Amino acid sequence: MAIPGKIQQKGGAGVSQAVRVPAPFRGLDTRIALASDSQNHCIYTYNLMPSDYGMAVRKGYREWQIEVDNGATTGVNTLIPYDAVETAGTADKLFCANNEGIWDVTVAEAAPVLKVAFGTTTAGAGQGVYVQYVDNTGVALMWYADAVNGLYKYVASTTTWAAATGITGPTIADIRFVMIHKQRLWFLTEDSASSWYLAVGAVAGAATEFFLGNKYKTGGNTAGLFSWSVDGGAGVDDKFVAVSRSGDVLVYEGDDPATASAWNLRGTYQIGQVPVGGKFGAELGGELYLLSATGIVGMNGLLQGVNSIERPESTPAAKITSILRARMKTTRDDYGWAIRLIPSQGGMLVSTPTPASSRPIQFFYDISVDGWGMWRDVPITAFDSWNDNVVFADADSRILYMDRTRDNILITPVSADLNGDPIEFSTLTGFSSLGADGVFKRVKLIRPDFISGARPTFFTQARYDYTQTELAPVLGGLPPLVGVWDSGEWDASIWVDGDESFNVPFGSWGVGRYVAVAMKGYSYEPTQFIGWDVIFDAGGMML
């Protein structure tokens, strides 16, 4: 943690030393030993995310639409963004599915519109997957499927949703999964190890069955199908990936599953049981990532013969594998697990179910710095990426949009001036000897550095000898709102012209051989964290 080149300041009979502790911009890494003295990683970080030049407080969220409810809702379960063919994007849509049906929630602060009602509203309705598709005649379509109500089709030209028709072979009401591979629509049906596919470019007609169950070594039905673009040594090609509920993975290559010479099984692998819901796979930069009991498995490693269970470091998720495994063990059968690429934020988001009386936790991976951090208190039940930001639903049947600097900004607040909650952040660095192994230290002062549009409220303290207790909530209330001309008051509002740097020294106490820095605070403006100055005394080997 300590950076070489210590500044010494003599005070009385003792000698104080100062070291610079940079923001742990590489985020979480549970593989690193507590005594490793790592400067770039931390033990935990909530809402203070790895970022370019340091760390940054995550985005906040506002109400987009509320009361997605027709009287019998159990909550929104799937977000369904539609990107239109038109360049201007005027026909772009945002839909969502709950147990009652599919809703149009495109317009901010408008009332949700029920587009099609489901025939069955029992548990699992609305827990589905979707895919966009343009057929051979140029008609733009969207497909949605879940295990309770089957397959539905959206026709962009008429903005209508309806139960799918015209497909023979599988029972349409039993179709629970839909995807596209090499211009073919593929389907999975409930409680079956079979898959079905249509002809190239077709959206109706006879579907052909392709049986997968006899290739699953550990059994189970087919949980999901994925199309993965990868260079397998003979140029870029799309691989067909089938995953069973028990974690068997089949990889096929070729163009025609009806012709043995044109459809080859490339390999079979085992990754551990996958979570329910069908949202456990995402492609990122030529890699397909799969959520499972192992953590997050990368298909490139499997294809190259790397055992992801024995060598989890073969994926970027290796840094958080132990945390994911622990959460997966207790919540694997609960809806809420999903993994998605978030292009506008340069990373990947993993959502997890929220057990009763727990605070919501999600995991975000920043590609540019190869760093993981945790979102906390973002009450996600379903999410996706739409119009360059994360859109999500919560348990109160609200659609929420992450493009603000505070949380929970209401459409109709009680007080407009106080609308929204500050974003609480908290982190703990790795432990360090501060350049003096084995001897006791006493941290006297810690001075953090922030760059923000307004002063964040924060507190920081030393932790000794591997104590990982999180700091208590910061007291003292929010600082005044940033001053606005014609409404702000002198001596009450803070007047800021662009981003400024903020640093406040805090006294610390305690004694120990190895030191970490804990910090907790909250902000309501874009906030970047740079690092700490740590001023301490060093003593002897024995206290």
Foldseek 3Di string as FASTA:
>chain_A
DFDPDWDWDDDPPFIKIKTFQWALLQEFFPVDDLANQDRNYFPAKAQFHRDPQHTWRFFAKEFFEADPDPPDWQWWFAKDWDQDPDPVRPLTWIWTWTLQAIWTSRGGPDYIHGQDGAPGRDPFGRLWDKDWAQFPVRWTKMWIFAQQQFIWMAGSVVRHIDQDDQEDDDDRRQWHYWDDEQQWIKTDGPPFQKIWIDPRRDPHDYIDIDGDQVVDPVGAHWQEWDWAWACPPPDTATWIWIAGQQFKIWIWAADDPVDDVGIDTQDIDGDGGAAHRHQQWEDDPRWIWGQHLQGIDTVVCVSVPHRCNVPVVVDLCNRCRVVRNVQCVVPRHPQWFHKYAQVLQQWIKTFGDAPPPGWGWIWIAHPVSSHIHIYTNPQASYWYHDPRWIWGIHSSRTIMTRDFLFYHFYPDDPDPQPGGHWGKIKTKRRKRQSPPAQWKKWWFKKKWKKKWQDDWFKDKEKDADPDDDADDDDDDDDQADADDPPPGDPPRHHHGDHIDMDMDMDTYGDMYRIIMMIMMTTDRTIMGTTTMMIMMGTDGNPD
